[in-house]
Amino acid sequence: MRTPDPSPASNLTEALSQWTLAFGWWDRVAFLCGDDGFTHGEVHLGAGRAAGVFREHGVRPGDRVVIALPGSMEFVWAFLGAVRIGAIALLTDPEASALPPGEIAVCAHGRHEHVITPAELVTAMSRVPASPAHPVHPGTPAFAQYGVLYAHGDPEVSFLAMEPFGLRENDVLFSVPKTYDPVGLRNTVFLPLYSGASAVLDSGRRSVTGVAERVRRHRASVLLSTSAFLTRLAAEGSREPFWPLRMAVSQGAPPPVHAEEWLGCPVLTP
């Protein structure tokens, strides 16, 4: 069987952009970050400009772009920008003691030999033209994750299992796993871009009270949780309903018996 030729249409970012246009989501809010909202169109236009910044810094297809950022628009633009030029986005915990090797890193000053800080990325994006999607094979690596021990299952299996759970375009998603975790990346970045929904970008601590406060602040309707977090909810004895939620999704082991009562909504277990 002949391998398909490389094509811009096989580039993940181009596919997501065309998906957005086809469903008319361009002007819908994709991400909520603090008091700011960013539309799906702003996400894809920013990804093109971030790709242009990386090209200007000499990044080429197949190079590794280390991304050591908390949940933020800079994370989203850096991730999609790296993928757009055919590089490999190498995700890591921004608080990790050491960063993996790569041709360039988007992180704080002093953390890598070749650094673009988040502020420098955004400033450069304002003057650099957008870069077209690099032609790739469907099987070309897009991203990798560095230094995580999984406690909530294999991310690929979780992705397939969660496909039918019924997101709506007006949903607002909050993920307990963070964006640099592959499951959190799926929850926070891919799911809204594939469904037309919105997601909360947040780097705060994942305490029960902290998550409840941010769910309320952003009126999140879907909580994407780990079973471990719901077990913490039960262990802390909290009976604090997360009142905006219409449903929660528990990954990994089944949630505690009273999880629905504590959250005040149905809990799905894919």
C-alpha atoms as a PDB file:
ATOM      1  CA  MET A   1       0.000   0.000   0.000  1.00  0.00           C
ATOM      2  CA  ARG A   2       1.447   3.347  -1.057  1.00  0.00           C
ATOM      3  CA  THR A   3       2.165   5.898   1.679  1.00  0.00           C
ATOM      4  CA  PRO A   4       0.332   9.201   1.050  1.00  0.00           C
ATOM      5  CA  ASP A   5       2.479  12.123  -0.036  1.00  0.00           C
ATOM      6  CA  PRO A   6       3.120  14.860   2.538  1.00  0.00           C
ATOM      7  CA  SER A   7       0.331  17.443   2.520  1.00  0.00           C
ATOM      8  CA  PRO A   8      -0.529  20.649   4.434  1.00  0.00           C
ATOM      9  CA  ALA A   9      -3.972  19.113   4.951  1.00  0.00           C
ATOM     10  CA  SER A  10      -2.342  16.384   7.075  1.00  0.00           C
ATOM     11  CA  ASN A  11      -0.877  18.990   9.405  1.00  0.00           C
ATOM     12  CA  LEU A  12      -2.905  18.909  12.627  1.00  0.00           C
ATOM     13  CA  THR A  13      -3.166  22.694  12.899  1.00  0.00           C
ATOM     14  CA  GLU A  14      -4.417  23.082   9.331  1.00  0.00           C
ATOM     15  CA  ALA A  15      -6.995  20.340   9.892  1.00  0.00           C
ATOM     16  CA  LEU A  16      -8.238  22.073  13.054  1.00  0.00           C
ATOM     17  CA  SER A  17      -8.407  25.433  11.280  1.00  0.00           C
ATOM     18  CA  GLN A  18     -10.416  24.007   8.387  1.00  0.00           C
ATOM     19  CA  TRP A  19     -12.678  22.186  10.864  1.00  0.00           C
ATOM     20  CA  THR A  20     -13.349  25.526  12.595  1.00  0.00           C
ATOM     21  CA  LEU A  21     -14.243  27.221   9.317  1.00  0.00           C
ATOM     22  CA  ALA A  22     -16.489  24.371   8.188  1.00  0.00           C
ATOM     23  CA  PHE A  23     -18.580  24.510  11.364  1.00  0.00           C
ATOM     24  CA  GLY A  24     -18.693  28.294  11.637  1.00  0.00           C
ATOM     25  CA  TRP A  25     -16.814  28.546  14.957  1.00  0.00           C
ATOM     26  CA  TRP A  26     -14.344  31.261  13.919  1.00  0.00           C
ATOM     27  CA  ASP A  27     -15.910  33.960  16.120  1.00  0.00           C
ATOM     28  CA  ARG A  28     -16.883  31.717  19.021  1.00  0.00           C
ATOM     29  CA  VAL A  29     -14.847  31.879  22.234  1.00  0.00           C
ATOM     30  CA  ALA A  30     -12.393  28.983  22.435  1.00  0.00           C
ATOM     31  CA  PHE A  31     -10.415  29.797  25.592  1.00  0.00           C
ATOM     32  CA  LEU A  32     -11.028  31.697  28.805  1.00  0.00           C
ATOM     33  CA  CYS A  33      -7.906  32.928  30.557  1.00  0.00           C
ATOM     34  CA  GLY A  34      -8.532  35.080  33.620  1.00  0.00           C
ATOM     35  CA  ASP A  35     -10.902  37.834  32.511  1.00  0.00           C
ATOM     36  CA  ASP A  36      -9.993  37.456  28.823  1.00  0.00           C
ATOM     37  CA  GLY A  37     -11.658  35.403  26.111  1.00  0.00           C
ATOM     38  CA  PHE A  38      -9.985  34.288  22.873  1.00  0.00           C
ATOM     39  CA  THR A  39     -11.946  33.165  19.829  1.00  0.00           C
ATOM     40  CA  HIS A  40     -11.253  30.109  17.715  1.00  0.00           C
ATOM     41  CA  GLY A  41     -10.165  32.490  14.960  1.00  0.00           C
ATOM     42  CA  GLU A  42      -7.679  34.230  17.244  1.00  0.00           C
ATOM     43  CA  VAL A  43      -6.298  30.828  18.230  1.00  0.00           C
ATOM     44  CA  HIS A  44      -5.616  29.766  14.638  1.00  0.00           C
ATOM     45  CA  LEU A  45      -4.307  33.150  13.487  1.00  0.00           C
ATOM     46  CA  GLY A  46      -2.023  33.225  16.536  1.00  0.00           C
ATOM     47  CA  ALA A  47      -0.785  29.706  15.794  1.00  0.00           C
ATOM     48  CA  GLY A  48       0.260  30.818  12.315  1.00  0.00           C
ATOM     49  CA  ARG A  49       2.162  33.794  13.723  1.00  0.00           C
ATOM     50  CA  ALA A  50       3.806  31.698  16.440  1.00  0.00           C
ATOM     51  CA  ALA A  51       4.933  29.332  13.691  1.00  0.00           C
ATOM     52  CA  GLY A  52       6.427  32.346  11.919  1.00  0.00           C
ATOM     53  CA  VAL A  53       8.327  33.310  15.080  1.00  0.00           C
ATOM     54  CA  PHE A  54       9.798  29.822  15.364  1.00  0.00           C
ATOM     55  CA  ARG A  55      10.858  29.885  11.705  1.00  0.00           C
ATOM     56  CA  GLU A  56      12.525  33.249  12.294  1.00  0.00           C
ATOM     57  CA  HIS A  57      14.509  31.627  15.121  1.00  0.00           C
ATOM     58  CA  GLY A  58      15.717  28.875  12.805  1.00  0.00           C
ATOM     59  CA  VAL A  59      13.371  26.070  13.887  1.00  0.00           C
ATOM     60  CA  ARG A  60      12.892  23.532  11.097  1.00  0.00           C
ATOM     61  CA  PRO A  61      10.618  20.535  10.520  1.00  0.00           C
ATOM     62  CA  GLY A  62      11.564  17.693  12.854  1.00  0.00           C
ATOM     63  CA  ASP A  63      13.227  19.995  15.391  1.00  0.00           C
ATOM     64  CA  ARG A  64      12.148  19.835  19.043  1.00  0.00           C
ATOM     65  CA  VAL A  65      10.455  22.860  20.579  1.00  0.00           C
ATOM     66  CA  VAL A  66      10.447  22.471  24.363  1.00  0.00           C
ATOM     67  CA  ILE A  67       7.334  24.058  25.904  1.00  0.00           C
ATOM     68  CA  ALA A  68       7.566  24.524  29.669  1.00  0.00           C
ATOM     69  CA  LEU A  69       4.603  26.805  30.369  1.00  0.00           C
ATOM     70  CA  PRO A  70       1.549  26.745  32.622  1.00  0.00           C
ATOM     71  CA  GLY A  71      -1.955  26.805  31.131  1.00  0.00           C
ATOM     72  CA  SER A  72      -2.110  30.045  29.122  1.00  0.00           C
ATOM     73  CA  MET A  73      -2.688  31.354  25.626  1.00  0.00           C
ATOM     74  CA  GLU A  74       1.090  31.439  25.168  1.00  0.00           C
ATOM     75  CA  PHE A  75       1.076  27.677  25.774  1.00  0.00           C
ATOM     76  CA  VAL A  76      -1.655  27.136  23.165  1.00  0.00           C
ATOM     77  CA  TRP A  77       0.007  29.341  20.547  1.00  0.00           C
ATOM     78  CA  ALA A  78       3.452  27.840  21.164  1.00  0.00           C
ATOM     79  CA  PHE A  79       2.102  24.292  20.949  1.00  0.00           C
ATOM     80  CA  LEU A  80       0.095  24.833  17.770  1.00  0.00           C
ATOM     81  CA  GLY A  81       2.839  26.988  16.233  1.00  0.00           C
ATOM     82  CA  ALA A  82       5.436  24.260  16.683  1.00  0.00           C
ATOM     83  CA  VAL A  83       3.154  21.636  15.184  1.00  0.00           C
ATOM     84  CA  ARG A  84       2.290  23.954  12.278  1.00  0.00           C
ATOM     85  CA  ILE A  85       5.891  24.099  11.023  1.00  0.00           C
ATOM     86  CA  GLY A  86       6.353  20.340  11.340  1.00  0.00           C
ATOM     87  CA  ALA A  87       8.416  20.532  14.526  1.00  0.00           C
ATOM     88  CA  ILE A  88       7.823  18.333  17.574  1.00  0.00           C
ATOM     89  CA  ALA A  89       6.266  20.126  20.549  1.00  0.00           C
ATOM     90  CA  LEU A  90       7.987  18.628  23.592  1.00  0.00           C
ATOM     91  CA  LEU A  91       5.787  19.334  26.626  1.00  0.00           C
ATOM     92  CA  THR A  92       7.144  19.423  30.160  1.00  0.00           C
ATOM     93  CA  ASP A  93       6.149  20.603  33.622  1.00  0.00           C
ATOM     94  CA  PRO A  94       7.173  24.288  33.933  1.00  0.00           C
ATOM     95  CA  GLU A  95       8.328  23.565  37.490  1.00  0.00           C
ATOM     96  CA  ALA A  96      10.486  20.564  36.543  1.00  0.00           C
ATOM     97  CA  SER A  97      14.023  20.655  37.934  1.00  0.00           C
ATOM     98  CA  ALA A  98      15.513  20.239  34.449  1.00  0.00           C
ATOM     99  CA  LEU A  99      14.245  20.646  30.899  1.00  0.00           C
ATOM    100  CA  PRO A 100      14.810  18.146  28.086  1.00  0.00           C
ATOM    101  CA  PRO A 101      17.139  18.978  25.195  1.00  0.00           C
ATOM    102  CA  GLY A 102      15.686  20.765  22.211  1.00  0.00           C
ATOM    103  CA  GLU A 103      16.582  23.273  19.519  1.00  0.00           C
ATOM    104  CA  ILE A 104      14.632  26.005  21.324  1.00  0.00           C
ATOM    105  CA  ALA A 105      12.443  26.344  24.427  1.00  0.00           C
ATOM    106  CA  VAL A 106       9.467  28.528  25.286  1.00  0.00           C
ATOM    107  CA  CYS A 107       9.884  29.065  29.012  1.00  0.00           C
ATOM    108  CA  ALA A 108      11.232  31.463  31.637  1.00  0.00           C
ATOM    109  CA  HIS A 109      14.679  33.022  31.224  1.00  0.00           C
ATOM    110  CA  GLY A 110      17.611  30.907  32.391  1.00  0.00           C
ATOM    111  CA  ARG A 111      15.882  27.556  31.994  1.00  0.00           C
ATOM    112  CA  HIS A 112      17.354  26.568  28.633  1.00  0.00           C
ATOM    113  CA  GLU A 113      20.257  27.506  26.385  1.00  0.00           C
ATOM    114  CA  HIS A 114      17.971  28.859  23.635  1.00  0.00           C
ATOM    115  CA  VAL A 115      14.909  30.532  25.167  1.00  0.00           C
ATOM    116  CA  ILE A 116      11.896  32.484  23.956  1.00  0.00           C
ATOM    117  CA  THR A 117       9.945  33.790  26.927  1.00  0.00           C
ATOM    118  CA  PRO A 118       6.124  33.970  26.713  1.00  0.00           C
ATOM    119  CA  ALA A 119       6.289  37.784  26.547  1.00  0.00           C
ATOM    120  CA  GLU A 120       8.886  37.651  23.756  1.00  0.00           C
ATOM    121  CA  LEU A 121       6.730  35.197  21.822  1.00  0.00           C
ATOM    122  CA  VAL A 122       3.652  37.453  21.965  1.00  0.00           C
ATOM    123  CA  THR A 123       5.669  40.563  21.067  1.00  0.00           C
ATOM    124  CA  ALA A 124       7.249  38.834  18.068  1.00  0.00           C
ATOM    125  CA  MET A 125       3.864  37.484  16.945  1.00  0.00           C
ATOM    126  CA  SER A 126       2.662  41.072  16.455  1.00  0.00           C
ATOM    127  CA  ARG A 127       5.245  41.736  13.714  1.00  0.00           C
ATOM    128  CA  VAL A 128       5.890  38.363  12.085  1.00  0.00           C
ATOM    129  CA  PRO A 129       3.666  37.134   9.227  1.00  0.00           C
ATOM    130  CA  ALA A 130       1.795  33.888   9.673  1.00  0.00           C
ATOM    131  CA  SER A 131       3.542  30.759   8.463  1.00  0.00           C
ATOM    132  CA  PRO A 132       1.712  28.279   6.241  1.00  0.00           C
ATOM    133  CA  ALA A 133       1.212  24.733   7.464  1.00  0.00           C
ATOM    134  CA  HIS A 134       4.184  22.508   6.650  1.00  0.00           C
ATOM    135  CA  PRO A 135       3.281  19.443   4.545  1.00  0.00           C
ATOM    136  CA  VAL A 136       3.521  16.289   6.652  1.00  0.00           C
ATOM    137  CA  HIS A 137       2.616  12.619   6.434  1.00  0.00           C
ATOM    138  CA  PRO A 138      -0.396  11.591   8.548  1.00  0.00           C
ATOM    139  CA  GLY A 139       1.970   9.645  10.814  1.00  0.00           C
ATOM    140  CA  THR A 140       4.471  12.472  11.362  1.00  0.00           C
ATOM    141  CA  PRO A 141       5.099  12.992  15.118  1.00  0.00           C
ATOM    142  CA  ALA A 142       3.409  16.190  16.372  1.00  0.00           C
ATOM    143  CA  PHE A 143       4.154  16.266  20.092  1.00  0.00           C
ATOM    144  CA  ALA A 144       5.696  14.326  22.943  1.00  0.00           C
ATOM    145  CA  GLN A 145       5.602  14.608  26.725  1.00  0.00           C
ATOM    146  CA  TYR A 146       8.615  14.636  28.997  1.00  0.00           C
ATOM    147  CA  GLY A 147       8.854  13.289  32.523  1.00  0.00           C
ATOM    148  CA  VAL A 148       5.334  12.334  33.581  1.00  0.00           C
ATOM    149  CA  LEU A 149       4.361   9.230  35.522  1.00  0.00           C
ATOM    150  CA  TYR A 150       0.786   8.417  34.585  1.00  0.00           C
ATOM    151  CA  ALA A 151      -1.620   7.808  37.435  1.00  0.00           C
ATOM    152  CA  HIS A 152      -4.829   7.960  35.441  1.00  0.00           C
ATOM    153  CA  GLY A 153      -4.475   5.676  32.470  1.00  0.00           C
ATOM    154  CA  ASP A 154      -3.057   5.742  28.974  1.00  0.00           C
ATOM    155  CA  PRO A 155      -3.917   9.018  27.198  1.00  0.00           C
ATOM    156  CA  GLU A 156      -4.577   7.431  23.805  1.00  0.00           C
ATOM    157  CA  VAL A 157      -7.060   4.959  25.284  1.00  0.00           C
ATOM    158  CA  SER A 158      -8.701   7.764  27.274  1.00  0.00           C
ATOM    159  CA  PHE A 159      -9.042   9.870  24.124  1.00  0.00           C
ATOM    160  CA  LEU A 160     -10.833   7.112  22.241  1.00  0.00           C
ATOM    161  CA  ALA A 161     -13.042   6.270  25.201  1.00  0.00           C
ATOM    162  CA  MET A 162     -14.147   9.869  25.736  1.00  0.00           C
ATOM    163  CA  GLU A 163     -15.119  10.581  22.151  1.00  0.00           C
ATOM    164  CA  PRO A 164     -18.900   9.998  22.517  1.00  0.00           C
ATOM    165  CA  PHE A 165     -19.667  11.731  25.808  1.00  0.00           C
ATOM    166  CA  GLY A 166     -21.650  14.574  24.252  1.00  0.00           C
ATOM    167  CA  LEU A 167     -20.007  17.996  24.302  1.00  0.00           C
ATOM    168  CA  ARG A 168     -22.055  20.968  23.136  1.00  0.00           C
ATOM    169  CA  GLU A 169     -20.877  24.130  21.407  1.00  0.00           C
ATOM    170  CA  ASN A 170     -21.935  26.248  24.395  1.00  0.00           C
ATOM    171  CA  ASP A 171     -20.089  24.095  26.949  1.00  0.00           C
ATOM    172  CA  VAL A 172     -17.257  25.526  29.037  1.00  0.00           C
ATOM    173  CA  LEU A 173     -14.696  22.871  30.007  1.00  0.00           C
ATOM    174  CA  PHE A 174     -12.484  22.784  33.083  1.00  0.00           C
ATOM    175  CA  SER A 175      -9.784  20.110  33.241  1.00  0.00           C
ATOM    176  CA  VAL A 176      -8.223  18.883  36.485  1.00  0.00           C
ATOM    177  CA  PRO A 177      -5.167  17.486  34.593  1.00  0.00           C
ATOM    178  CA  LYS A 178      -3.029  20.424  33.434  1.00  0.00           C
ATOM    179  CA  THR A 179      -2.216  21.322  29.849  1.00  0.00           C
ATOM    180  CA  TYR A 180       1.350  19.922  29.838  1.00  0.00           C
ATOM    181  CA  ASP A 181      -0.059  16.494  30.776  1.00  0.00           C
ATOM    182  CA  PRO A 182      -1.235  14.658  27.621  1.00  0.00           C
ATOM    183  CA  VAL A 183      -4.677  14.040  29.146  1.00  0.00           C
ATOM    184  CA  GLY A 184      -4.923  17.691  30.168  1.00  0.00           C
ATOM    185  CA  LEU A 185      -3.769  18.704  26.675  1.00  0.00           C
ATOM    186  CA  ARG A 186      -6.578  16.638  25.181  1.00  0.00           C
ATOM    187  CA  ASN A 187      -9.134  18.031  27.644  1.00  0.00           C
ATOM    188  CA  THR A 188      -8.143  21.692  27.440  1.00  0.00           C
ATOM    189  CA  VAL A 189      -6.832  22.163  23.885  1.00  0.00           C
ATOM    190  CA  PHE A 190      -8.100  19.441  21.572  1.00  0.00           C
ATOM    191  CA  LEU A 191     -11.646  18.974  22.858  1.00  0.00           C
ATOM    192  CA  PRO A 192     -12.722  22.615  22.478  1.00  0.00           C
ATOM    193  CA  LEU A 193     -11.033  22.919  19.077  1.00  0.00           C
ATOM    194  CA  TYR A 194     -12.804  19.778  17.869  1.00  0.00           C
ATOM    195  CA  SER A 195     -16.228  20.603  19.358  1.00  0.00           C
ATOM    196  CA  GLY A 196     -16.597  24.383  19.134  1.00  0.00           C
ATOM    197  CA  ALA A 197     -16.798  24.607  22.926  1.00  0.00           C
ATOM    198  CA  SER A 198     -14.690  26.766  25.277  1.00  0.00           C
ATOM    199  CA  ALA A 199     -12.087  25.711  27.822  1.00  0.00           C
ATOM    200  CA  VAL A 200     -10.637  27.401  30.880  1.00  0.00           C
ATOM    201  CA  LEU A 201      -6.873  27.936  30.771  1.00  0.00           C
ATOM    202  CA  ASP A 202      -5.731  27.828  34.372  1.00  0.00           C
ATOM    203  CA  SER A 203      -2.463  27.042  36.138  1.00  0.00           C
ATOM    204  CA  GLY A 204      -3.714  27.205  39.725  1.00  0.00           C
ATOM    205  CA  ARG A 205      -3.433  24.493  42.345  1.00  0.00           C
ATOM    206  CA  ARG A 206      -5.896  21.640  42.031  1.00  0.00           C
ATOM    207  CA  SER A 207      -7.355  21.740  45.546  1.00  0.00           C
ATOM    208  CA  VAL A 208     -11.044  20.909  45.911  1.00  0.00           C
ATOM    209  CA  THR A 209     -11.936  24.444  46.995  1.00  0.00           C
ATOM    210  CA  GLY A 210      -9.716  25.991  44.321  1.00  0.00           C
ATOM    211  CA  VAL A 211     -11.272  23.969  41.501  1.00  0.00           C
ATOM    212  CA  ALA A 212     -14.774  24.715  42.820  1.00  0.00           C
ATOM    213  CA  GLU A 213     -14.028  28.453  42.871  1.00  0.00           C
ATOM    214  CA  ARG A 214     -12.696  28.480  39.307  1.00  0.00           C
ATOM    215  CA  VAL A 215     -15.572  26.337  38.019  1.00  0.00           C
ATOM    216  CA  ARG A 216     -17.982  28.909  39.463  1.00  0.00           C
ATOM    217  CA  ARG A 217     -15.990  31.911  38.258  1.00  0.00           C
ATOM    218  CA  HIS A 218     -15.992  30.741  34.657  1.00  0.00           C
ATOM    219  CA  ARG A 219     -19.408  29.026  34.852  1.00  0.00           C
ATOM    220  CA  ALA A 220     -17.861  25.795  33.606  1.00  0.00           C
ATOM    221  CA  SER A 221     -20.461  23.256  32.520  1.00  0.00           C
ATOM    222  CA  VAL A 222     -18.186  20.186  32.148  1.00  0.00           C
ATOM    223  CA  LEU A 223     -15.556  19.073  34.676  1.00  0.00           C
ATOM    224  CA  LEU A 224     -12.960  16.719  33.197  1.00  0.00           C
ATOM    225  CA  SER A 225     -11.521  15.037  36.259  1.00  0.00           C
ATOM    226  CA  THR A 226      -9.341  12.184  37.352  1.00  0.00           C
ATOM    227  CA  SER A 227     -10.783   9.545  39.645  1.00  0.00           C
ATOM    228  CA  ALA A 228      -7.958  10.475  42.046  1.00  0.00           C
ATOM    229  CA  PHE A 229      -9.296  14.045  42.341  1.00  0.00           C
ATOM    230  CA  LEU A 230     -12.812  12.789  43.042  1.00  0.00           C
ATOM    231  CA  THR A 231     -11.384  10.455  45.677  1.00  0.00           C
ATOM    232  CA  ARG A 232      -9.727  13.500  47.276  1.00  0.00           C
ATOM    233  CA  LEU A 233     -13.093  15.227  47.226  1.00  0.00           C
ATOM    234  CA  ALA A 234     -14.554  12.323  49.176  1.00  0.00           C
ATOM    235  CA  ALA A 235     -11.582  12.104  51.566  1.00  0.00           C
ATOM    236  CA  GLU A 236     -11.798  15.797  52.440  1.00  0.00           C
ATOM    237  CA  GLY A 237     -15.456  15.359  53.313  1.00  0.00           C
ATOM    238  CA  SER A 238     -16.497  18.324  51.192  1.00  0.00           C
ATOM    239  CA  ARG A 239     -20.130  18.547  50.216  1.00  0.00           C
ATOM    240  CA  GLU A 240     -19.688  21.661  48.169  1.00  0.00           C
ATOM    241  CA  PRO A 241     -21.735  21.490  44.964  1.00  0.00           C
ATOM    242  CA  PHE A 242     -20.038  22.775  41.842  1.00  0.00           C
ATOM    243  CA  TRP A 243     -23.282  24.472  40.855  1.00  0.00           C
ATOM    244  CA  PRO A 244     -22.603  25.503  37.192  1.00  0.00           C
ATOM    245  CA  LEU A 245     -21.783  21.931  36.105  1.00  0.00           C
ATOM    246  CA  ARG A 246     -24.174  19.924  33.955  1.00  0.00           C
ATOM    247  CA  MET A 247     -21.863  16.898  34.068  1.00  0.00           C
ATOM    248  CA  ALA A 248     -18.444  15.630  35.115  1.00  0.00           C
ATOM    249  CA  VAL A 249     -16.273  12.991  33.459  1.00  0.00           C
ATOM    250  CA  SER A 250     -14.145  10.690  35.607  1.00  0.00           C
ATOM    251  CA  GLN A 251     -11.065   9.111  34.036  1.00  0.00           C
ATOM    252  CA  GLY A 252      -9.442   6.000  35.420  1.00  0.00           C
ATOM    253  CA  ALA A 253     -11.099   4.047  38.247  1.00  0.00           C
ATOM    254  CA  PRO A 254     -14.816   4.539  39.000  1.00  0.00           C
ATOM    255  CA  PRO A 255     -15.539   7.640  41.119  1.00  0.00           C
ATOM    256  CA  PRO A 256     -16.612   7.417  44.780  1.00  0.00           C
ATOM    257  CA  VAL A 257     -20.232   6.464  45.382  1.00  0.00           C
ATOM    258  CA  HIS A 258     -21.337   9.955  46.458  1.00  0.00           C
ATOM    259  CA  ALA A 259     -19.427  11.909  43.781  1.00  0.00           C
ATOM    260  CA  GLU A 260     -22.621  12.989  42.020  1.00  0.00           C
ATOM    261  CA  GLU A 261     -24.085  14.257  45.285  1.00  0.00           C
ATOM    262  CA  TRP A 262     -20.929  16.232  46.117  1.00  0.00           C
ATOM    263  CA  LEU A 263     -20.643  17.740  42.645  1.00  0.00           C
ATOM    264  CA  GLY A 264     -24.362  18.278  42.124  1.00  0.00           C
ATOM    265  CA  CYS A 265     -24.359  16.751  38.619  1.00  0.00           C
ATOM    266  CA  PRO A 266     -24.108  13.377  36.822  1.00  0.00           C
ATOM    267  CA  VAL A 267     -20.642  11.793  36.686  1.00  0.00           C
ATOM    268  CA  LEU A 268     -19.823   9.823  33.539  1.00  0.00           C
ATOM    269  CA  THR A 269     -17.215   7.062  33.527  1.00  0.00           C
ATOM    270  CA  PRO A 270     -16.175   6.314  29.903  1.00  0.00           C
END
